[in-house]
């Protein structure tokens, strides 16, 4: 039997988790103070995933960047592919929360969405 120790990241409590495994099968989870800790532990040792947050460049906006995130979690091993794919992404203002910035990022089937609003920068022509 293999024993793995993790710290739960589902809430600020950070419960110390002990996971007992037989091969790839989770036999027992202990140390969690809520059901979410057990769910996290089982998923983390069998199929770890993460939400990725970063920023992308905005053209002609009131800010040069907008915050973005994956709409759902992606496999942990795809995080760097996701960030690399976003490195040269640029969007034209205006940008609104929930706008899809990139679809199927790093071939995960998950979209990147804006988490902030950026208005279009008024040009001299617009002010006249």
N, C-alpha and C. Protein backbone atom coordinates (compact mmCIF):
# COMPACT_ATOMS: atom_id res chain seq x y z
N UNK A 1 0.84 -1.18 0.00
CA UNK A 1 0.00 0.00 0.00
C UNK A 1 0.89 1.24 0.00
N UNK A 2 0.51 2.20 -0.83
CA UNK A 2 1.25 3.46 -0.92
C UNK A 2 0.46 4.54 -0.18
N UNK A 3 1.17 5.42 0.52
CA UNK A 3 0.54 6.52 1.24
C UNK A 3 1.07 7.83 0.64
N UNK A 4 0.13 8.73 0.31
CA UNK A 4 0.49 10.06 -0.20
C UNK A 4 -0.07 11.09 0.76
N UNK A 5 0.70 12.16 0.96
CA UNK A 5 0.27 13.25 1.83
C UNK A 5 0.14 14.52 0.99
N UNK A 6 -0.99 15.20 1.16
CA UNK A 6 -1.27 16.44 0.44
C UNK A 6 -1.84 17.46 1.42
N UNK A 7 -1.81 18.71 1.01
CA UNK A 7 -2.53 19.75 1.71
C UNK A 7 -3.69 20.17 0.83
N UNK A 8 -4.88 20.14 1.36
CA UNK A 8 -6.07 20.50 0.58
C UNK A 8 -6.02 21.99 0.23
N UNK A 9 -6.36 22.32 -1.01
CA UNK A 9 -6.36 23.72 -1.46
C UNK A 9 -7.78 24.22 -1.77
N UNK A 10 -8.80 23.49 -1.33
CA UNK A 10 -10.17 23.90 -1.63
C UNK A 10 -10.66 25.06 -0.78
N UNK A 11 -10.09 25.27 0.37
CA UNK A 11 -10.50 26.40 1.21
C UNK A 11 -9.29 26.85 2.04
N UNK A 12 -9.41 27.95 2.75
CA UNK A 12 -8.27 28.45 3.53
C UNK A 12 -7.81 27.57 4.69
N UNK A 13 -8.60 26.56 5.07
CA UNK A 13 -8.20 25.70 6.20
C UNK A 13 -6.94 24.90 5.91
N UNK A 14 -6.73 24.50 4.66
CA UNK A 14 -5.53 23.76 4.30
C UNK A 14 -5.35 22.47 5.06
N UNK A 15 -6.37 21.65 5.09
CA UNK A 15 -6.31 20.39 5.84
C UNK A 15 -5.19 19.49 5.33
N UNK A 16 -4.45 18.86 6.25
CA UNK A 16 -3.45 17.88 5.84
C UNK A 16 -4.15 16.56 5.50
N UNK A 17 -4.01 16.11 4.28
CA UNK A 17 -4.70 14.91 3.82
C UNK A 17 -3.73 13.74 3.70
N UNK A 18 -4.21 12.58 4.06
CA UNK A 18 -3.46 11.34 3.88
C UNK A 18 -4.29 10.46 2.96
N UNK A 19 -3.68 10.02 1.86
CA UNK A 19 -4.38 9.20 0.88
C UNK A 19 -3.69 7.84 0.83
N UNK A 20 -4.45 6.81 1.07
CA UNK A 20 -3.92 5.45 0.99
C UNK A 20 -4.36 4.87 -0.36
N UNK A 21 -3.37 4.34 -1.10
CA UNK A 21 -3.64 3.84 -2.44
C UNK A 21 -3.15 2.41 -2.61
N UNK A 22 -3.88 1.69 -3.41
CA UNK A 22 -3.48 0.35 -3.83
C UNK A 22 -3.36 0.44 -5.34
N UNK A 23 -2.12 0.57 -5.84
CA UNK A 23 -1.92 0.83 -7.27
C UNK A 23 -2.48 2.20 -7.62
N UNK A 24 -3.39 2.25 -8.59
CA UNK A 24 -4.03 3.51 -8.99
C UNK A 24 -5.34 3.76 -8.24
N UNK A 25 -5.74 2.85 -7.39
CA UNK A 25 -7.03 2.90 -6.68
C UNK A 25 -6.87 3.58 -5.32
N UNK A 26 -7.71 4.59 -5.06
CA UNK A 26 -7.74 5.25 -3.75
C UNK A 26 -8.54 4.37 -2.81
N UNK A 27 -7.92 3.95 -1.72
CA UNK A 27 -8.56 3.09 -0.73
C UNK A 27 -9.20 3.92 0.38
N UNK A 28 -8.46 4.95 0.83
CA UNK A 28 -8.95 5.74 1.96
C UNK A 28 -8.34 7.13 1.94
N UNK A 29 -9.17 8.12 2.33
CA UNK A 29 -8.70 9.50 2.50
C UNK A 29 -9.00 9.89 3.93
N UNK A 30 -8.02 10.48 4.61
CA UNK A 30 -8.24 10.95 5.97
C UNK A 30 -7.60 12.32 6.15
N UNK A 31 -8.02 13.01 7.20
CA UNK A 31 -7.47 14.33 7.52
C UNK A 31 -8.35 15.47 7.06
N UNK A 32 -9.29 15.19 6.17
CA UNK A 32 -10.18 16.24 5.68
C UNK A 32 -11.26 16.54 6.71
N UNK A 33 -11.65 17.82 6.79
CA UNK A 33 -12.72 18.20 7.71
C UNK A 33 -14.05 18.40 6.99
N UNK A 34 -14.03 18.28 5.66
CA UNK A 34 -15.28 18.37 4.90
C UNK A 34 -15.20 17.44 3.69
N UNK A 35 -16.34 17.22 3.07
CA UNK A 35 -16.44 16.32 1.91
C UNK A 35 -15.59 16.83 0.74
N UNK A 36 -15.49 18.16 0.60
CA UNK A 36 -14.70 18.72 -0.51
C UNK A 36 -13.24 18.26 -0.44
N UNK A 37 -12.71 18.10 0.75
CA UNK A 37 -11.33 17.64 0.91
C UNK A 37 -11.14 16.24 0.37
N UNK A 38 -12.09 15.37 0.63
CA UNK A 38 -12.00 14.00 0.12
C UNK A 38 -12.10 13.99 -1.40
N UNK A 39 -13.02 14.77 -1.94
CA UNK A 39 -13.17 14.85 -3.41
C UNK A 39 -11.89 15.38 -4.04
N UNK A 40 -11.33 16.45 -3.45
CA UNK A 40 -10.07 17.02 -3.96
C UNK A 40 -8.95 15.97 -3.93
N UNK A 41 -8.80 15.27 -2.82
CA UNK A 41 -7.71 14.29 -2.68
C UNK A 41 -7.82 13.20 -3.73
N UNK A 42 -9.01 12.65 -3.90
CA UNK A 42 -9.20 11.59 -4.89
C UNK A 42 -8.87 12.07 -6.30
N UNK A 43 -9.32 13.27 -6.63
CA UNK A 43 -9.06 13.81 -7.96
C UNK A 43 -7.57 14.15 -8.13
N UNK A 44 -6.96 14.71 -7.11
CA UNK A 44 -5.57 15.15 -7.21
C UNK A 44 -4.60 13.99 -7.44
N UNK A 45 -4.87 12.84 -6.87
CA UNK A 45 -3.95 11.71 -7.05
C UNK A 45 -4.27 10.87 -8.29
N UNK A 46 -5.45 11.06 -8.86
CA UNK A 46 -5.81 10.26 -10.05
C UNK A 46 -5.87 11.08 -11.33
N UNK A 47 -6.30 12.35 -11.25
CA UNK A 47 -6.45 13.19 -12.45
C UNK A 47 -6.38 14.66 -12.05
N UNK A 48 -5.18 15.17 -11.71
CA UNK A 48 -5.07 16.55 -11.24
C UNK A 48 -5.39 17.58 -12.33
N UNK A 49 -6.19 18.58 -11.98
CA UNK A 49 -6.55 19.65 -12.90
C UNK A 49 -6.43 20.99 -12.20
N UNK A 50 -6.38 22.06 -12.99
CA UNK A 50 -6.28 23.41 -12.43
C UNK A 50 -7.02 24.40 -13.32
N UNK A 51 -7.47 25.50 -12.71
CA UNK A 51 -7.94 26.68 -13.43
C UNK A 51 -6.68 27.51 -13.65
N UNK A 52 -6.49 28.02 -14.86
CA UNK A 52 -5.33 28.85 -15.17
C UNK A 52 -5.80 30.30 -15.29
N UNK A 53 -5.10 31.20 -14.62
CA UNK A 53 -5.38 32.63 -14.72
C UNK A 53 -4.13 33.35 -15.19
N UNK A 54 -4.32 34.34 -16.05
CA UNK A 54 -3.20 35.13 -16.56
C UNK A 54 -3.77 36.41 -17.17
N UNK A 55 -3.01 37.07 -17.99
CA UNK A 55 -3.48 38.27 -18.70
C UNK A 55 -3.11 38.16 -20.17
N UNK A 56 -3.85 38.88 -21.01
CA UNK A 56 -3.50 39.00 -22.42
C UNK A 56 -3.51 40.47 -22.80
N UNK A 57 -2.80 40.78 -23.87
CA UNK A 57 -2.65 42.16 -24.33
C UNK A 57 -3.95 42.66 -24.95
N UNK A 58 -4.26 43.93 -24.67
CA UNK A 58 -5.44 44.59 -25.24
C UNK A 58 -4.97 45.74 -26.11
N UNK A 59 -5.51 45.81 -27.33
CA UNK A 59 -5.20 46.90 -28.26
C UNK A 59 -6.28 47.97 -28.18
N UNK A 60 -5.86 49.22 -28.17
CA UNK A 60 -6.77 50.37 -28.18
C UNK A 60 -7.73 50.40 -26.99
N UNK A 61 -7.25 49.95 -25.86
CA UNK A 61 -8.10 49.92 -24.67
C UNK A 61 -7.65 50.90 -23.61
N UNK A 62 -8.49 51.07 -22.60
CA UNK A 62 -8.16 51.94 -21.47
C UNK A 62 -7.12 51.29 -20.56
N UNK A 63 -6.83 50.03 -20.81
CA UNK A 63 -5.76 49.30 -20.13
C UNK A 63 -5.03 48.47 -21.19
N UNK A 64 -3.76 48.20 -20.96
CA UNK A 64 -2.96 47.44 -21.92
C UNK A 64 -3.19 45.94 -21.84
N UNK A 65 -3.78 45.48 -20.72
CA UNK A 65 -4.01 44.05 -20.54
C UNK A 65 -5.39 43.81 -19.92
N UNK A 66 -5.87 42.58 -20.09
CA UNK A 66 -7.10 42.15 -19.44
C UNK A 66 -6.83 40.80 -18.78
N UNK A 67 -7.41 40.60 -17.60
CA UNK A 67 -7.27 39.33 -16.91
C UNK A 67 -8.17 38.30 -17.59
N UNK A 68 -7.65 37.07 -17.66
CA UNK A 68 -8.37 35.97 -18.29
C UNK A 68 -8.19 34.70 -17.46
N UNK A 69 -9.05 33.71 -17.72
CA UNK A 69 -8.92 32.42 -17.05
C UNK A 69 -9.51 31.33 -17.93
N UNK A 70 -9.15 30.10 -17.61
CA UNK A 70 -9.79 28.98 -18.29
C UNK A 70 -11.22 28.89 -17.77
N UNK A 71 -12.14 28.60 -18.67
CA UNK A 71 -13.56 28.52 -18.29
C UNK A 71 -13.81 27.35 -17.35
N UNK A 72 -13.00 26.32 -17.48
CA UNK A 72 -13.06 25.13 -16.62
C UNK A 72 -11.63 24.73 -16.30
N UNK A 73 -11.46 23.76 -15.39
CA UNK A 73 -10.10 23.32 -15.13
C UNK A 73 -9.60 22.48 -16.30
N UNK A 74 -8.29 22.51 -16.44
CA UNK A 74 -7.62 21.75 -17.49
C UNK A 74 -6.64 20.78 -16.82
N UNK A 75 -6.21 19.75 -17.54
CA UNK A 75 -5.22 18.84 -16.95
C UNK A 75 -3.97 19.60 -16.52
N UNK A 76 -3.48 19.28 -15.35
CA UNK A 76 -2.33 19.98 -14.78
C UNK A 76 -1.13 20.00 -15.73
N UNK A 77 -0.94 18.93 -16.48
CA UNK A 77 0.21 18.88 -17.38
C UNK A 77 0.07 19.80 -18.59
N UNK A 78 -1.11 20.41 -18.78
CA UNK A 78 -1.34 21.33 -19.90
C UNK A 78 -1.19 22.80 -19.52
N UNK A 79 -0.88 23.09 -18.25
CA UNK A 79 -0.79 24.48 -17.79
C UNK A 79 0.22 25.28 -18.62
N UNK A 80 1.43 24.78 -18.77
CA UNK A 80 2.46 25.54 -19.48
C UNK A 80 2.13 25.68 -20.96
N UNK A 81 1.50 24.66 -21.56
CA UNK A 81 1.07 24.76 -22.95
C UNK A 81 0.02 25.86 -23.10
N UNK A 82 -0.86 25.97 -22.13
CA UNK A 82 -1.91 26.98 -22.13
C UNK A 82 -1.30 28.39 -22.05
N UNK A 83 -0.40 28.59 -21.11
CA UNK A 83 0.23 29.90 -20.94
C UNK A 83 1.05 30.26 -22.18
N UNK A 84 1.75 29.29 -22.73
CA UNK A 84 2.55 29.53 -23.94
C UNK A 84 1.65 29.92 -25.11
N UNK A 85 0.50 29.27 -25.25
CA UNK A 85 -0.43 29.57 -26.34
C UNK A 85 -1.01 30.98 -26.20
N UNK A 86 -1.08 31.50 -24.98
CA UNK A 86 -1.64 32.84 -24.75
C UNK A 86 -0.61 33.95 -24.85
N UNK A 87 0.65 33.58 -24.92
CA UNK A 87 1.73 34.58 -24.88
C UNK A 87 1.58 35.68 -25.94
N UNK A 88 1.19 35.33 -27.13
CA UNK A 88 1.10 36.32 -28.21
C UNK A 88 -0.34 36.69 -28.58
N UNK A 89 -1.30 36.31 -27.74
CA UNK A 89 -2.70 36.64 -28.01
C UNK A 89 -2.92 38.13 -27.71
N UNK A 90 -3.60 38.79 -28.65
CA UNK A 90 -3.98 40.19 -28.47
C UNK A 90 -5.46 40.31 -28.82
N UNK A 91 -6.17 41.13 -28.05
CA UNK A 91 -7.59 41.36 -28.33
C UNK A 91 -7.82 42.85 -28.50
N UNK A 92 -8.80 43.17 -29.30
CA UNK A 92 -9.17 44.56 -29.55
C UNK A 92 -10.23 44.97 -28.52
N UNK A 93 -10.06 46.15 -27.93
CA UNK A 93 -11.06 46.68 -27.01
C UNK A 93 -12.30 47.09 -27.81
N UNK A 94 -13.48 47.04 -27.24
CA UNK A 94 -13.77 46.73 -25.84
C UNK A 94 -13.79 45.23 -25.56
N UNK A 95 -13.50 44.89 -24.31
CA UNK A 95 -13.53 43.51 -23.84
C UNK A 95 -14.46 43.48 -22.63
N UNK A 96 -15.29 42.45 -22.56
CA UNK A 96 -16.25 42.34 -21.46
C UNK A 96 -16.09 41.00 -20.74
N UNK A 97 -16.40 41.01 -19.47
CA UNK A 97 -16.34 39.78 -18.67
C UNK A 97 -17.14 38.68 -19.38
N UNK A 98 -16.50 37.53 -19.52
CA UNK A 98 -17.15 36.39 -20.16
C UNK A 98 -16.87 36.25 -21.65
N UNK A 99 -16.30 37.31 -22.27
CA UNK A 99 -15.94 37.21 -23.69
C UNK A 99 -14.95 36.07 -23.88
N UNK A 100 -15.15 35.26 -24.91
CA UNK A 100 -14.20 34.20 -25.22
C UNK A 100 -13.00 34.84 -25.92
N UNK A 101 -11.84 34.68 -25.33
CA UNK A 101 -10.60 35.26 -25.85
C UNK A 101 -9.89 34.26 -26.75
N UNK A 102 -9.94 32.99 -26.41
CA UNK A 102 -9.34 31.91 -27.21
C UNK A 102 -10.17 30.65 -26.95
N UNK A 103 -10.42 29.91 -28.00
CA UNK A 103 -11.18 28.68 -27.80
C UNK A 103 -10.27 27.46 -27.88
N UNK A 104 -10.68 26.41 -27.22
CA UNK A 104 -9.95 25.14 -27.21
C UNK A 104 -8.45 25.34 -26.96
N UNK A 105 -8.14 26.06 -25.89
CA UNK A 105 -6.74 26.39 -25.59
C UNK A 105 -5.90 25.13 -25.41
N UNK A 106 -4.77 25.10 -26.06
CA UNK A 106 -3.82 23.99 -25.99
C UNK A 106 -4.51 22.64 -26.24
N UNK A 107 -5.52 22.66 -27.08
CA UNK A 107 -6.28 21.47 -27.45
C UNK A 107 -6.85 20.72 -26.24
N UNK A 108 -7.32 21.51 -25.26
CA UNK A 108 -7.92 20.94 -24.06
C UNK A 108 -9.45 20.86 -24.17
N UNK A 109 -10.01 21.56 -25.16
CA UNK A 109 -11.46 21.65 -25.27
C UNK A 109 -12.04 22.73 -24.39
N UNK A 110 -11.18 23.50 -23.74
CA UNK A 110 -11.61 24.54 -22.80
C UNK A 110 -11.28 25.91 -23.36
N UNK A 111 -12.23 26.84 -23.22
CA UNK A 111 -12.04 28.21 -23.70
C UNK A 111 -11.38 29.08 -22.64
N UNK A 112 -10.73 30.14 -23.11
CA UNK A 112 -10.20 31.19 -22.24
C UNK A 112 -11.20 32.34 -22.29
N UNK A 113 -11.61 32.83 -21.12
CA UNK A 113 -12.58 33.92 -21.06
C UNK A 113 -12.01 35.11 -20.29
N UNK A 114 -12.50 36.29 -20.65
CA UNK A 114 -12.09 37.52 -19.95
C UNK A 114 -12.73 37.55 -18.57
N UNK A 115 -11.98 38.05 -17.60
CA UNK A 115 -12.52 38.20 -16.25
C UNK A 115 -12.58 39.66 -15.84
N UNK A 116 -12.35 40.54 -16.82
CA UNK A 116 -12.42 41.97 -16.56
C UNK A 116 -13.01 42.70 -17.75
N UNK A 117 -13.39 43.94 -17.52
CA UNK A 117 -13.91 44.81 -18.58
C UNK A 117 -12.87 45.85 -18.94
N UNK A 118 -12.62 46.01 -20.23
CA UNK A 118 -11.71 47.05 -20.72
C UNK A 118 -12.47 47.81 -21.81
N UNK A 119 -12.61 49.09 -21.60
CA UNK A 119 -13.30 49.92 -22.58
C UNK A 119 -12.33 50.35 -23.67
N UNK A 120 -12.89 50.76 -24.79
CA UNK A 120 -12.09 51.25 -25.91
C UNK A 120 -11.58 52.64 -25.56
N UNK A 121 -10.31 52.88 -25.83
CA UNK A 121 -9.68 54.19 -25.63
C UNK A 121 -10.21 55.15 -26.69
N UNK A 122 -10.70 56.28 -26.29
CA UNK A 122 -11.20 57.25 -27.27
C UNK A 122 -10.03 57.86 -28.03
N UNK A 123 -10.16 57.93 -29.35
CA UNK A 123 -9.14 58.58 -30.17
C UNK A 123 -9.44 60.06 -30.28
N UNK A 124 -8.52 60.82 -30.83
CA UNK A 124 -8.74 62.25 -31.05
C UNK A 124 -9.97 62.50 -31.90
N UNK A 125 -10.21 61.64 -32.90
CA UNK A 125 -11.37 61.77 -33.80
C UNK A 125 -12.67 61.58 -33.02
N UNK A 126 -12.66 60.64 -32.07
CA UNK A 126 -13.86 60.37 -31.27
C UNK A 126 -14.22 61.52 -30.35
N UNK A 127 -13.22 62.32 -29.93
CA UNK A 127 -13.44 63.41 -28.98
C UNK A 127 -13.96 64.67 -29.65
N UNK A 128 -13.82 64.77 -30.97
CA UNK A 128 -14.24 65.99 -31.67
C UNK A 128 -15.73 66.02 -31.88
